[in-house]
C-alpha atoms as a PDB file:
ATOM      1  CA  UNK A   1      81.096  39.940 -36.931  1.00  0.00           C
ATOM      2  CA  UNK A   2      81.761  37.331 -34.281  1.00  0.00           C
ATOM      3  CA  UNK A   3      84.796  35.381 -35.065  1.00  0.00           C
ATOM      4  CA  UNK A   4      84.381  31.920 -34.496  1.00  0.00           C
ATOM      5  CA  UNK A   5      80.964  29.708 -34.214  1.00  0.00           C
ATOM      6  CA  UNK A   6      80.587  28.034 -30.926  1.00  0.00           C
ATOM      7  CA  UNK A   7      78.548  24.924 -29.887  1.00  0.00           C
ATOM      8  CA  UNK A   8      76.378  27.187 -26.874  1.00  0.00           C
ATOM      9  CA  UNK A   9      74.821  29.356 -29.294  1.00  0.00           C
ATOM     10  CA  UNK A  10      73.914  26.375 -31.336  1.00  0.00           C
ATOM     11  CA  UNK A  11      72.708  24.373 -28.617  1.00  0.00           C
ATOM     12  CA  UNK A  12      70.440  27.160 -26.822  1.00  0.00           C
ATOM     13  CA  UNK A  13      68.533  27.591 -30.232  1.00  0.00           C
ATOM     14  CA  UNK A  14      68.421  23.604 -30.036  1.00  0.00           C
ATOM     15  CA  UNK A  15      67.110  23.492 -26.610  1.00  0.00           C
ATOM     16  CA  UNK A  16      63.846  25.725 -28.155  1.00  0.00           C
ATOM     17  CA  UNK A  17      63.814  24.535 -31.680  1.00  0.00           C
ATOM     18  CA  UNK A  18      64.567  20.611 -31.621  1.00  0.00           C
ATOM     19  CA  UNK A  19      62.510  18.565 -34.284  1.00  0.00           C
ATOM     20  CA  UNK A  20      60.298  16.389 -32.230  1.00  0.00           C
ATOM     21  CA  UNK A  21      60.774  12.609 -33.682  1.00  0.00           C
ATOM     22  CA  UNK A  22      59.632   9.193 -32.239  1.00  0.00           C
ATOM     23  CA  UNK A  23      63.300   8.014 -31.923  1.00  0.00           C
ATOM     24  CA  UNK A  24      64.805  11.062 -30.393  1.00  0.00           C
ATOM     25  CA  UNK A  25      65.137  12.067 -26.838  1.00  0.00           C
ATOM     26  CA  UNK A  26      64.563  15.820 -26.960  1.00  0.00           C
ATOM     27  CA  UNK A  27      67.019  18.208 -24.955  1.00  0.00           C
ATOM     28  CA  UNK A  28      64.349  18.905 -21.988  1.00  0.00           C
ATOM     29  CA  UNK A  29      63.925  14.908 -21.795  1.00  0.00           C
ATOM     30  CA  UNK A  30      67.656  14.490 -21.719  1.00  0.00           C
ATOM     31  CA  UNK A  31      68.521  17.217 -19.334  1.00  0.00           C
ATOM     32  CA  UNK A  32      66.058  15.322 -16.930  1.00  0.00           C
ATOM     33  CA  UNK A  33      68.169  12.092 -17.415  1.00  0.00           C
ATOM     34  CA  UNK A  34      66.614  10.207 -19.995  1.00  0.00           C
ATOM     35  CA  UNK A  35      68.856   8.398 -21.923  1.00  0.00           C
ATOM     36  CA  UNK A  36      68.345   7.441 -25.159  1.00  0.00           C
ATOM     37  CA  UNK A  37      67.879   3.681 -26.264  1.00  0.00           C
ATOM     38  CA  UNK A  38      70.497   2.739 -28.634  1.00  0.00           C
ATOM     39  CA  UNK A  39      68.665   0.309 -30.370  1.00  0.00           C
ATOM     40  CA  UNK A  40      66.387   2.705 -31.456  1.00  0.00           C
ATOM     41  CA  UNK A  41      69.178   4.917 -32.494  1.00  0.00           C
ATOM     42  CA  UNK A  42      70.679   2.345 -34.848  1.00  0.00           C
ATOM     43  CA  UNK A  43      67.623   1.504 -36.235  1.00  0.00           C
ATOM     44  CA  UNK A  44      66.823   4.937 -37.105  1.00  0.00           C
ATOM     45  CA  UNK A  45      70.367   5.827 -38.272  1.00  0.00           C
ATOM     46  CA  UNK A  46      69.900   2.630 -40.896  1.00  0.00           C
ATOM     47  CA  UNK A  47      66.463   3.214 -42.202  1.00  0.00           C
ATOM     48  CA  UNK A  48      67.349   6.873 -42.557  1.00  0.00           C
ATOM     49  CA  UNK A  49      70.260   6.618 -45.178  1.00  0.00           C
ATOM     50  CA  UNK A  50      69.306   7.695 -48.445  1.00  0.00           C
ATOM     51  CA  UNK A  51      65.831   8.583 -47.262  1.00  0.00           C
ATOM     52  CA  UNK A  52      63.732  11.469 -45.679  1.00  0.00           C
ATOM     53  CA  UNK A  53      62.977  11.707 -41.867  1.00  0.00           C
ATOM     54  CA  UNK A  54      58.447  11.858 -43.102  1.00  0.00           C
ATOM     55  CA  UNK A  55      58.952   8.745 -45.327  1.00  0.00           C
ATOM     56  CA  UNK A  56      60.962   6.672 -42.136  1.00  0.00           C
ATOM     57  CA  UNK A  57      58.323   7.713 -39.089  1.00  0.00           C
ATOM     58  CA  UNK A  58      55.963   4.982 -40.200  1.00  0.00           C
ATOM     59  CA  UNK A  59      58.158   2.320 -40.963  1.00  0.00           C
ATOM     60  CA  UNK A  60      60.452   3.413 -37.612  1.00  0.00           C
ATOM     61  CA  UNK A  61      57.053   2.939 -35.500  1.00  0.00           C
ATOM     62  CA  UNK A  62      55.510  -0.088 -37.581  1.00  0.00           C
ATOM     63  CA  UNK A  63      59.510  -1.769 -36.612  1.00  0.00           C
ATOM     64  CA  UNK A  64      59.431  -0.753 -33.236  1.00  0.00           C
ATOM     65  CA  UNK A  65      56.044  -2.303 -32.457  1.00  0.00           C
ATOM     66  CA  UNK A  66      56.849  -5.678 -33.672  1.00  0.00           C
ATOM     67  CA  UNK A  67      60.628  -5.778 -32.790  1.00  0.00           C
ATOM     68  CA  UNK A  68      60.723  -3.578 -29.895  1.00  0.00           C
ATOM     69  CA  UNK A  69      64.465  -4.662 -29.363  1.00  0.00           C
ATOM     70  CA  UNK A  70      67.774  -5.421 -30.603  1.00  0.00           C
ATOM     71  CA  UNK A  71      67.107  -8.906 -29.706  1.00  0.00           C
ATOM     72  CA  UNK A  72      63.801  -9.202 -30.722  1.00  0.00           C
ATOM     73  CA  UNK A  73      64.832  -8.125 -34.196  1.00  0.00           C
ATOM     74  CA  UNK A  74      67.739 -10.443 -34.129  1.00  0.00           C
ATOM     75  CA  UNK A  75      65.433 -13.371 -33.790  1.00  0.00           C
ATOM     76  CA  UNK A  76      62.983 -12.160 -36.597  1.00  0.00           C
ATOM     77  CA  UNK A  77      62.623 -14.109 -39.783  1.00  0.00           C
ATOM     78  CA  UNK A  78      64.362 -12.713 -42.838  1.00  0.00           C
ATOM     79  CA  UNK A  79      61.541 -12.694 -44.887  1.00  0.00           C
ATOM     80  CA  UNK A  80      59.236 -10.796 -42.482  1.00  0.00           C
ATOM     81  CA  UNK A  81      62.299  -8.241 -41.737  1.00  0.00           C
ATOM     82  CA  UNK A  82      62.507  -7.875 -45.693  1.00  0.00           C
ATOM     83  CA  UNK A  83      58.697  -7.413 -46.111  1.00  0.00           C
ATOM     84  CA  UNK A  84      58.521  -4.595 -43.585  1.00  0.00           C
ATOM     85  CA  UNK A  85      61.070  -2.873 -45.127  1.00  0.00           C
ATOM     86  CA  UNK A  86      59.933  -2.958 -48.393  1.00  0.00           C
ATOM     87  CA  UNK A  87      59.534   0.664 -49.976  1.00  0.00           C
ATOM     88  CA  UNK A  88      62.042   2.257 -48.491  1.00  0.00           C
ATOM     89  CA  UNK A  89      64.759   0.906 -50.834  1.00  0.00           C
ATOM     90  CA  UNK A  90      68.422  -0.025 -50.663  1.00  0.00           C
ATOM     91  CA  UNK A  91      67.751  -3.777 -49.620  1.00  0.00           C
ATOM     92  CA  UNK A  92      71.161  -4.279 -48.493  1.00  0.00           C
ATOM     93  CA  UNK A  93      70.716  -1.930 -45.616  1.00  0.00           C
ATOM     94  CA  UNK A  94      67.948  -4.326 -44.600  1.00  0.00           C
ATOM     95  CA  UNK A  95      70.432  -7.708 -44.891  1.00  0.00           C
ATOM     96  CA  UNK A  96      72.951  -5.717 -42.871  1.00  0.00           C
ATOM     97  CA  UNK A  97      70.394  -4.949 -39.942  1.00  0.00           C
ATOM     98  CA  UNK A  98      69.811  -8.406 -39.550  1.00  0.00           C
ATOM     99  CA  UNK A  99      73.261  -8.991 -39.582  1.00  0.00           C
ATOM    100  CA  UNK A 100      74.294  -6.716 -36.921  1.00  0.00           C
ATOM    101  CA  UNK A 101      71.280  -7.402 -34.571  1.00  0.00           C
ATOM    102  CA  UNK A 102      72.007 -10.820 -34.276  1.00  0.00           C
ATOM    103  CA  UNK A 103      75.868  -9.948 -33.684  1.00  0.00           C
ATOM    104  CA  UNK A 104      74.624  -7.639 -30.775  1.00  0.00           C
ATOM    105  CA  UNK A 105      72.151  -9.809 -29.789  1.00  0.00           C
ATOM    106  CA  UNK A 106      74.456 -13.400 -29.653  1.00  0.00           C
ATOM    107  CA  UNK A 107      77.579 -12.063 -28.913  1.00  0.00           C
ATOM    108  CA  UNK A 108      77.519  -8.365 -26.885  1.00  0.00           C
ATOM    109  CA  UNK A 109      74.581  -9.380 -24.874  1.00  0.00           C
ATOM    110  CA  UNK A 110      72.058  -7.663 -26.406  1.00  0.00           C
ATOM    111  CA  UNK A 111      74.494  -3.973 -25.472  1.00  0.00           C
ATOM    112  CA  UNK A 112      75.937  -1.938 -28.328  1.00  0.00           C
ATOM    113  CA  UNK A 113      79.167  -0.951 -27.895  1.00  0.00           C
ATOM    114  CA  UNK A 114      79.699   3.118 -27.140  1.00  0.00           C
ATOM    115  CA  UNK A 115      82.576   3.641 -28.612  1.00  0.00           C
ATOM    116  CA  UNK A 116      83.038   4.763 -32.425  1.00  0.00           C
ATOM    117  CA  UNK A 117      85.793   2.176 -33.383  1.00  0.00           C
ATOM    118  CA  UNK A 118      83.709  -0.805 -32.166  1.00  0.00           C
ATOM    119  CA  UNK A 119      80.322   0.428 -33.893  1.00  0.00           C
ATOM    120  CA  UNK A 120      82.200   0.682 -36.748  1.00  0.00           C
ATOM    121  CA  UNK A 121      83.136  -3.243 -36.811  1.00  0.00           C
ATOM    122  CA  UNK A 122      79.384  -4.011 -36.555  1.00  0.00           C
ATOM    123  CA  UNK A 123      78.184  -5.096 -39.796  1.00  0.00           C
ATOM    124  CA  UNK A 124      76.611  -2.276 -42.120  1.00  0.00           C
ATOM    125  CA  UNK A 125      77.794   0.483 -39.944  1.00  0.00           C
ATOM    126  CA  UNK A 126      79.890   2.951 -41.661  1.00  0.00           C
ATOM    127  CA  UNK A 127      81.643   6.240 -40.347  1.00  0.00           C
ATOM    128  CA  UNK A 128      78.771   8.446 -40.426  1.00  0.00           C
ATOM    129  CA  UNK A 129      76.632   5.437 -38.579  1.00  0.00           C
ATOM    130  CA  UNK A 130      79.022   4.951 -35.788  1.00  0.00           C
ATOM    131  CA  UNK A 131      79.839   8.615 -35.282  1.00  0.00           C
ATOM    132  CA  UNK A 132      75.841   9.192 -34.871  1.00  0.00           C
ATOM    133  CA  UNK A 133      75.402   6.101 -32.446  1.00  0.00           C
ATOM    134  CA  UNK A 134      78.397   6.852 -30.806  1.00  0.00           C
ATOM    135  CA  UNK A 135      77.145  10.742 -30.211  1.00  0.00           C
ATOM    136  CA  UNK A 136      73.608  10.627 -29.492  1.00  0.00           C
ATOM    137  CA  UNK A 137      73.175   7.371 -27.710  1.00  0.00           C
ATOM    138  CA  UNK A 138      76.101   7.340 -25.798  1.00  0.00           C
ATOM    139  CA  UNK A 139      76.925  11.017 -25.428  1.00  0.00           C
ATOM    140  CA  UNK A 140      80.631  10.395 -26.495  1.00  0.00           C
ATOM    141  CA  UNK A 141      82.170  14.023 -28.740  1.00  0.00           C
ATOM    142  CA  UNK A 142      81.946  11.924 -31.743  1.00  0.00           C
ATOM    143  CA  UNK A 143      81.829  13.770 -35.139  1.00  0.00           C
ATOM    144  CA  UNK A 144      78.782  13.169 -37.111  1.00  0.00           C
ATOM    145  CA  UNK A 145      78.835  14.426 -40.545  1.00  0.00           C
ATOM    146  CA  UNK A 146      76.012  14.080 -43.065  1.00  0.00           C
ATOM    147  CA  UNK A 147      74.336  15.819 -45.600  1.00  0.00           C
ATOM    148  CA  UNK A 148      73.096  18.438 -43.627  1.00  0.00           C
ATOM    149  CA  UNK A 149      76.230  19.387 -41.746  1.00  0.00           C
ATOM    150  CA  UNK A 150      78.292  19.045 -45.019  1.00  0.00           C
ATOM    151  CA  UNK A 151      76.042  22.574 -46.088  1.00  0.00           C
ATOM    152  CA  UNK A 152      76.129  24.154 -42.515  1.00  0.00           C
ATOM    153  CA  UNK A 153      79.759  23.915 -42.914  1.00  0.00           C
ATOM    154  CA  UNK A 154      80.805  24.918 -46.037  1.00  0.00           C
ATOM    155  CA  UNK A 155      78.219  27.646 -45.615  1.00  0.00           C
ATOM    156  CA  UNK A 156      79.987  28.703 -42.160  1.00  0.00           C
ATOM    157  CA  UNK A 157      83.493  28.719 -43.089  1.00  0.00           C
ATOM    158  CA  UNK A 158      82.757  29.455 -46.789  1.00  0.00           C
ATOM    159  CA  UNK A 159      84.325  26.395 -48.359  1.00  0.00           C
ATOM    160  CA  UNK A 160      84.243  26.355 -52.076  1.00  0.00           C
ATOM    161  CA  UNK A 161      85.739  23.120 -53.363  1.00  0.00           C
ATOM    162  CA  UNK A 162      83.132  20.979 -54.761  1.00  0.00           C
ATOM    163  CA  UNK A 163      81.837  17.893 -53.231  1.00  0.00           C
ATOM    164  CA  UNK A 164      82.340  15.329 -52.786  1.00  0.00           C
ATOM    165  CA  UNK A 165      86.062  16.268 -52.803  1.00  0.00           C
ATOM    166  CA  UNK A 166      85.304  18.610 -50.205  1.00  0.00           C
ATOM    167  CA  UNK A 167      84.417  16.100 -47.415  1.00  0.00           C
ATOM    168  CA  UNK A 168      87.804  15.838 -45.958  1.00  0.00           C
ATOM    169  CA  UNK A 169      87.644  19.442 -45.379  1.00  0.00           C
ATOM    170  CA  UNK A 170      84.255  19.606 -44.183  1.00  0.00           C
ATOM    171  CA  UNK A 171      84.593  16.690 -41.698  1.00  0.00           C
ATOM    172  CA  UNK A 172      87.789  18.724 -40.023  1.00  0.00           C
ATOM    173  CA  UNK A 173      85.844  21.685 -39.438  1.00  0.00           C
ATOM    174  CA  UNK A 174      83.148  19.790 -38.066  1.00  0.00           C
ATOM    175  CA  UNK A 175      85.487  17.808 -35.838  1.00  0.00           C
ATOM    176  CA  UNK A 176      87.058  20.995 -34.621  1.00  0.00           C
ATOM    177  CA  UNK A 177      83.303  22.108 -33.659  1.00  0.00           C
ATOM    178  CA  UNK A 178      82.009  19.405 -31.897  1.00  0.00           C
ATOM    179  CA  UNK A 179      82.432  20.312 -28.176  1.00  0.00           C
ATOM    180  CA  UNK A 180      82.696  17.542 -25.418  1.00  0.00           C
ATOM    181  CA  UNK A 181      79.583  19.252 -23.302  1.00  0.00           C
ATOM    182  CA  UNK A 182      76.558  17.647 -24.747  1.00  0.00           C
ATOM    183  CA  UNK A 183      77.862  16.260 -28.003  1.00  0.00           C
ATOM    184  CA  UNK A 184      74.582  13.977 -28.729  1.00  0.00           C
ATOM    185  CA  UNK A 185      72.305  17.034 -27.950  1.00  0.00           C
ATOM    186  CA  UNK A 186      74.698  19.096 -30.360  1.00  0.00           C
ATOM    187  CA  UNK A 187      75.186  16.291 -33.346  1.00  0.00           C
ATOM    188  CA  UNK A 188      71.102  16.450 -33.659  1.00  0.00           C
ATOM    189  CA  UNK A 189      71.358  20.304 -33.568  1.00  0.00           C
ATOM    190  CA  UNK A 190      73.508  20.919 -36.355  1.00  0.00           C
ATOM    191  CA  UNK A 191      71.667  18.367 -38.254  1.00  0.00           C
ATOM    192  CA  UNK A 192      68.532  20.063 -37.145  1.00  0.00           C
ATOM    193  CA  UNK A 193      70.116  23.572 -38.431  1.00  0.00           C
ATOM    194  CA  UNK A 194      70.586  22.288 -41.822  1.00  0.00           C
ATOM    195  CA  UNK A 195      67.418  20.588 -42.411  1.00  0.00           C
ATOM    196  CA  UNK A 196      65.440  23.728 -40.809  1.00  0.00           C
ATOM    197  CA  UNK A 197      67.272  26.837 -41.345  1.00  0.00           C
ATOM    198  CA  UNK A 198      70.368  26.380 -43.490  1.00  0.00           C
ATOM    199  CA  UNK A 199      68.397  24.578 -45.538  1.00  0.00           C
ATOM    200  CA  UNK A 200      69.332  23.872 -49.258  1.00  0.00           C
ATOM    201  CA  UNK A 201      67.305  26.638 -51.254  1.00  0.00           C
ATOM    202  CA  UNK A 202      66.494  29.820 -49.421  1.00  0.00           C
ATOM    203  CA  UNK A 203      68.385  29.360 -46.401  1.00  0.00           C
ATOM    204  CA  UNK A 204      67.050  31.562 -43.139  1.00  0.00           C
ATOM    205  CA  UNK A 205      70.262  32.965 -42.249  1.00  0.00           C
ATOM    206  CA  UNK A 206      68.129  36.128 -40.464  1.00  0.00           C
ATOM    207  CA  UNK A 207      66.780  33.486 -37.516  1.00  0.00           C
ATOM    208  CA  UNK A 208      70.251  31.435 -37.483  1.00  0.00           C
ATOM    209  CA  UNK A 209      71.759  31.273 -34.285  1.00  0.00           C
ATOM    210  CA  UNK A 210      75.746  30.838 -36.490  1.00  0.00           C
ATOM    211  CA  UNK A 211      74.885  34.012 -38.414  1.00  0.00           C
ATOM    212  CA  UNK A 212      77.156  36.314 -36.990  1.00  0.00           C
ATOM    213  CA  UNK A 213      80.195  34.018 -37.524  1.00  0.00           C
ATOM    214  CA  UNK A 214      78.909  32.744 -40.963  1.00  0.00           C
ATOM    215  CA  UNK A 215      81.680  33.878 -43.834  1.00  0.00           C
ATOM    216  CA  UNK A 216      79.177  32.563 -46.712  1.00  0.00           C
ATOM    217  CA  UNK A 217      76.451  35.090 -45.230  1.00  0.00           C
ATOM    218  CA  UNK A 218      79.191  37.632 -44.612  1.00  0.00           C
ATOM    219  CA  UNK A 219      80.353  36.934 -48.148  1.00  0.00           C
ATOM    220  CA  UNK A 220      77.208  36.513 -49.855  1.00  0.00           C
ATOM    221  CA  UNK A 221      77.624  33.144 -51.213  1.00  0.00           C
ATOM    222  CA  UNK A 222      75.497  31.114 -48.991  1.00  0.00           C
ATOM    223  CA  UNK A 223      72.850  30.191 -51.464  1.00  0.00           C
ATOM    224  CA  UNK A 224      75.676  28.892 -53.718  1.00  0.00           C
ATOM    225  CA  UNK A 225      77.252  26.498 -51.420  1.00  0.00           C
ATOM    226  CA  UNK A 226      78.026  23.555 -51.107  1.00  0.00           C
ATOM    227  CA  UNK A 227      79.556  23.193 -54.804  1.00  0.00           C
ATOM    228  CA  UNK A 228      78.740  20.029 -56.097  1.00  0.00           C
ATOM    229  CA  UNK A 229      81.037  18.702 -58.754  1.00  0.00           C
ATOM    230  CA  UNK A 230      78.375  18.117 -61.793  1.00  0.00           C
ATOM    231  CA  UNK A 231      77.074  14.122 -61.764  1.00  0.00           C
ATOM    232  CA  UNK A 232      77.056  12.101 -64.697  1.00  0.00           C
ATOM    233  CA  UNK A 233      73.589  11.379 -66.386  1.00  0.00           C
ATOM    234  CA  UNK A 234      72.280   8.011 -65.409  1.00  0.00           C
ATOM    235  CA  UNK A 235      71.958   5.097 -68.067  1.00  0.00           C
ATOM    236  CA  UNK A 236      68.718   3.520 -68.626  1.00  0.00           C
ATOM    237  CA  UNK A 237      68.547  -0.435 -68.486  1.00  0.00           C
ATOM    238  CA  UNK A 238      65.381  -2.679 -69.998  1.00  0.00           C
ATOM    239  CA  UNK A 239      63.881  -5.731 -68.536  1.00  0.00           C
ATOM    240  CA  UNK A 240      60.810  -7.735 -68.633  1.00  0.00           C
ATOM    241  CA  UNK A 241      59.021  -8.939 -65.712  1.00  0.00           C
ATOM    242  CA  UNK A 242      56.099 -12.077 -65.386  1.00  0.00           C
ATOM    243  CA  UNK A 243      53.058 -11.311 -63.608  1.00  0.00           C
ATOM    244  CA  UNK A 244      51.395 -14.729 -63.591  1.00  0.00           C
ATOM    245  CA  UNK A 245      48.027 -15.292 -61.753  1.00  0.00           C
ATOM    246  CA  UNK A 246      46.636 -18.526 -61.238  1.00  0.00           C
ATOM    247  CA  UNK A 247      42.988 -19.107 -61.646  1.00  0.00           C
ATOM    248  CA  UNK A 248      42.396 -19.411 -57.720  1.00  0.00           C
ATOM    249  CA  UNK A 249      44.040 -15.792 -57.503  1.00  0.00           C
ATOM    250  CA  UNK A 250      47.772 -17.061 -56.316  1.00  0.00           C
ATOM    251  CA  UNK A 251      50.529 -14.585 -57.860  1.00  0.00           C
ATOM    252  CA  UNK A 252      53.639 -16.264 -58.817  1.00  0.00           C
ATOM    253  CA  UNK A 253      56.612 -14.656 -57.377  1.00  0.00           C
ATOM    254  CA  UNK A 254      60.466 -15.252 -56.692  1.00  0.00           C
ATOM    255  CA  UNK A 255      62.742 -14.533 -53.624  1.00  0.00           C
ATOM    256  CA  UNK A 256      65.684 -12.741 -55.676  1.00  0.00           C
ATOM    257  CA  UNK A 257      69.473 -13.826 -54.404  1.00  0.00           C
ATOM    258  CA  UNK A 258      70.331 -12.093 -51.558  1.00  0.00           C
ATOM    259  CA  UNK A 259      73.607 -10.517 -53.311  1.00  0.00           C
ATOM    260  CA  UNK A 260      72.563  -7.598 -56.071  1.00  0.00           C
ATOM    261  CA  UNK A 261      69.734  -5.334 -56.239  1.00  0.00           C
ATOM    262  CA  UNK A 262      66.452  -5.967 -54.141  1.00  0.00           C
ATOM    263  CA  UNK A 263      68.553  -8.984 -52.727  1.00  0.00           C
ATOM    264  CA  UNK A 264      66.507 -11.201 -50.707  1.00  0.00           C
ATOM    265  CA  UNK A 265      63.128  -9.739 -51.912  1.00  0.00           C
ATOM    266  CA  UNK A 266      60.295 -10.951 -53.282  1.00  0.00           C
ATOM    267  CA  UNK A 267      59.591  -9.763 -56.837  1.00  0.00           C
ATOM    268  CA  UNK A 268      58.225 -10.919 -60.310  1.00  0.00           C
ATOM    269  CA  UNK A 269      60.169 -13.345 -62.283  1.00  0.00           C
ATOM    270  CA  UNK A 270      61.926 -11.936 -65.270  1.00  0.00           C
ATOM    271  CA  UNK A 271      64.938 -10.986 -67.267  1.00  0.00           C
ATOM    272  CA  UNK A 272      68.094  -9.554 -66.307  1.00  0.00           C
ATOM    273  CA  UNK A 273      68.388  -5.543 -66.672  1.00  0.00           C
ATOM    274  CA  UNK A 274      70.768  -4.301 -68.905  1.00  0.00           C
ATOM    275  CA  UNK A 275      71.115  -1.315 -71.217  1.00  0.00           C
ATOM    276  CA  UNK A 276      70.046  -1.396 -74.709  1.00  0.00           C
ATOM    277  CA  UNK A 277      67.423  -4.251 -76.024  1.00  0.00           C
ATOM    278  CA  UNK A 278      66.089  -6.807 -73.289  1.00  0.00           C
ATOM    279  CA  UNK A 279      68.369  -9.557 -72.995  1.00  0.00           C
ATOM    280  CA  UNK A 280      67.057 -13.458 -73.866  1.00  0.00           C
ATOM    281  CA  UNK A 281      65.774 -15.170 -70.699  1.00  0.00           C
ATOM    282  CA  UNK A 282      63.415 -18.035 -70.068  1.00  0.00           C
ATOM    283  CA  UNK A 283      59.800 -17.604 -69.110  1.00  0.00           C
ATOM    284  CA  UNK A 284      58.888 -18.547 -65.740  1.00  0.00           C
ATOM    285  CA  UNK A 285      55.727 -20.899 -66.504  1.00  0.00           C
ATOM    286  CA  UNK A 286      54.241 -22.113 -69.857  1.00  0.00           C
ATOM    287  CA  UNK A 287      51.130 -19.679 -70.505  1.00  0.00           C
ATOM    288  CA  UNK A 288      49.962 -17.462 -73.092  1.00  0.00           C
ATOM    289  CA  UNK A 289      51.726 -14.231 -72.626  1.00  0.00           C
ATOM    290  CA  UNK A 290      50.193 -10.723 -72.995  1.00  0.00           C
ATOM    291  CA  UNK A 291      52.335  -7.349 -73.146  1.00  0.00           C
ATOM    292  CA  UNK A 292      50.405  -4.539 -71.261  1.00  0.00           C
ATOM    293  CA  UNK A 293      51.135  -1.194 -72.702  1.00  0.00           C
ATOM    294  CA  UNK A 294      53.071   1.251 -70.873  1.00  0.00           C
ATOM    295  CA  UNK A 295      56.322   0.244 -68.619  1.00  0.00           C
ATOM    296  CA  UNK A 296      57.000   0.326 -65.042  1.00  0.00           C
ATOM    297  CA  UNK A 297      59.695   2.898 -64.540  1.00  0.00           C
ATOM    298  CA  UNK A 298      62.008   3.415 -61.596  1.00  0.00           C
ATOM    299  CA  UNK A 299      64.863   5.131 -60.853  1.00  0.00           C
ATOM    300  CA  UNK A 300      67.667   3.559 -58.360  1.00  0.00           C
ATOM    301  CA  UNK A 301      70.901   5.289 -57.309  1.00  0.00           C
ATOM    302  CA  UNK A 302      72.974   4.574 -60.447  1.00  0.00           C
ATOM    303  CA  UNK A 303      70.593   3.886 -63.548  1.00  0.00           C
ATOM    304  CA  UNK A 304      66.868   4.095 -64.723  1.00  0.00           C
ATOM    305  CA  UNK A 305      64.721   0.942 -64.799  1.00  0.00           C
ATOM    306  CA  UNK A 306      62.349   0.332 -67.500  1.00  0.00           C
ATOM    307  CA  UNK A 307      60.248  -2.649 -67.103  1.00  0.00           C
ATOM    308  CA  UNK A 308      58.167  -4.401 -69.991  1.00  0.00           C
ATOM    309  CA  UNK A 309      55.092  -6.437 -67.941  1.00  0.00           C
ATOM    310  CA  UNK A 310      53.896  -9.260 -69.552  1.00  0.00           C
ATOM    311  CA  UNK A 311      50.590 -11.001 -68.015  1.00  0.00           C
ATOM    312  CA  UNK A 312      49.232 -14.644 -68.101  1.00  0.00           C
ATOM    313  CA  UNK A 313      46.222 -16.086 -66.217  1.00  0.00           C
ATOM    314  CA  UNK A 314      47.657 -19.998 -65.571  1.00  0.00           C
ATOM    315  CA  UNK A 315      45.055 -23.122 -64.965  1.00  0.00           C
ATOM    316  CA  UNK A 316      45.978 -24.914 -61.191  1.00  0.00           C
ATOM    317  CA  UNK A 317      47.672 -27.830 -62.733  1.00  0.00           C
ATOM    318  CA  UNK A 318      50.857 -25.886 -64.185  1.00  0.00           C
ATOM    319  CA  UNK A 319      53.930 -25.904 -62.246  1.00  0.00           C
ATOM    320  CA  UNK A 320      56.786 -22.961 -62.587  1.00  0.00           C
ATOM    321  CA  UNK A 321      59.763 -23.361 -64.084  1.00  0.00           C
ATOM    322  CA  UNK A 322      60.870 -20.540 -61.676  1.00  0.00           C
ATOM    323  CA  UNK A 323      59.271 -18.768 -58.376  1.00  0.00           C
ATOM    324  CA  UNK A 324      56.561 -20.033 -56.657  1.00  0.00           C
ATOM    325  CA  UNK A 325      52.809 -19.655 -56.354  1.00  0.00           C
ATOM    326  CA  UNK A 326      51.879 -17.127 -53.257  1.00  0.00           C
ATOM    327  CA  UNK A 327      47.990 -17.867 -52.529  1.00  0.00           C
ATOM    328  CA  UNK A 328      45.671 -15.133 -52.775  1.00  0.00           C
ATOM    329  CA  UNK A 329      45.340 -14.694 -48.572  1.00  0.00           C
ATOM    330  CA  UNK A 330      49.009 -14.479 -48.714  1.00  0.00           C
ATOM    331  CA  UNK A 331      49.958 -12.090 -51.086  1.00  0.00           C
ATOM    332  CA  UNK A 332      50.276  -8.381 -50.314  1.00  0.00           C
ATOM    333  CA  UNK A 333      51.507  -5.962 -52.398  1.00  0.00           C
ATOM    334  CA  UNK A 334      53.298  -3.629 -50.101  1.00  0.00           C
ATOM    335  CA  UNK A 335      55.812  -6.591 -49.394  1.00  0.00           C
ATOM    336  CA  UNK A 336      57.236  -6.232 -52.642  1.00  0.00           C
ATOM    337  CA  UNK A 337      59.715  -3.633 -53.495  1.00  0.00           C
ATOM    338  CA  UNK A 338      59.020  -0.019 -55.507  1.00  0.00           C
ATOM    339  CA  UNK A 339      59.970  -1.167 -58.566  1.00  0.00           C
ATOM    340  CA  UNK A 340      58.321  -4.329 -58.356  1.00  0.00           C
ATOM    341  CA  UNK A 341      55.001  -2.803 -56.729  1.00  0.00           C
ATOM    342  CA  UNK A 342      55.117  -0.370 -59.820  1.00  0.00           C
ATOM    343  CA  UNK A 343      54.576  -3.175 -62.017  1.00  0.00           C
ATOM    344  CA  UNK A 344      51.918  -4.553 -60.012  1.00  0.00           C
ATOM    345  CA  UNK A 345      49.977  -1.354 -60.155  1.00  0.00           C
ATOM    346  CA  UNK A 346      50.193  -1.308 -63.786  1.00  0.00           C
ATOM    347  CA  UNK A 347      48.965  -4.548 -63.966  1.00  0.00           C
ATOM    348  CA  UNK A 348      46.111  -3.941 -61.622  1.00  0.00           C
ATOM    349  CA  UNK A 349      44.907  -0.715 -63.810  1.00  0.00           C
ATOM    350  CA  UNK A 350      44.955  -3.033 -66.858  1.00  0.00           C
END
């Protein structure tokens, strides 16, 4: 058994097995002198937070087709960006995306800073994203630690401290292994290793480039790592949404406040969300409301949401107390966040 893992073995594996992604400059291209576009690296990393590669690809391609540079994104209308983001979740990311793009475009001449510390000062960029952009876009030896890297480090060094308490220890191991030669490729290689070989279930240890120095493989504990502290059960919150359709086909919508869940997004007017009974609230427009059978269900990071749906058909001359009507030709369900789109889907089937 080799005593210590090294970046050379991993990079050799990556040169042959790197995943192909629309935002990635592959190892062969990079060796040929093609540098990554920091804008595309940053955009992909923001999109990938709490989301899968498969889910992000189409969003990334639409964004970069519509807004090919950070300056183009900075000039975009907030509502257009939020609409394109709909379905990716964690909508504060989209608001910070715009804030960051405008800082880079207006205060930094459209150029992202290369070093970790300066990246960390930008809106919406935390330690992981700063490390990823610094390493991948600028080939700086910054430590990059996501869930895949945590899993690789926990197994490589047979760390049994449960997450999240193990994060500092795992980050320290990741820092020690980060090379000064090809750090950008290395950062992507270790994430690829965790996503494809050192997977959460049934890791393919037999074909892993780090199988020899892996302490968990040697001790037979790889499949049990990383350990995680059990999560508390998520509470269930209840609310009601009002789907009002005008006789000409227009729908009554509101734009949610910038702060809070689904901030800045279009949605159906409705009640606050809370545990227990639906809280008192005002209806958005005078109408004869009917309650649909069933409920729209959606899960956020910290709670499950159950939405009762009330519907009504309203005349042309009636004005809403809350929200505004969106004409039939301008309404697109895809502009709604997932929770609100689920409510519309139930309405459409009724």
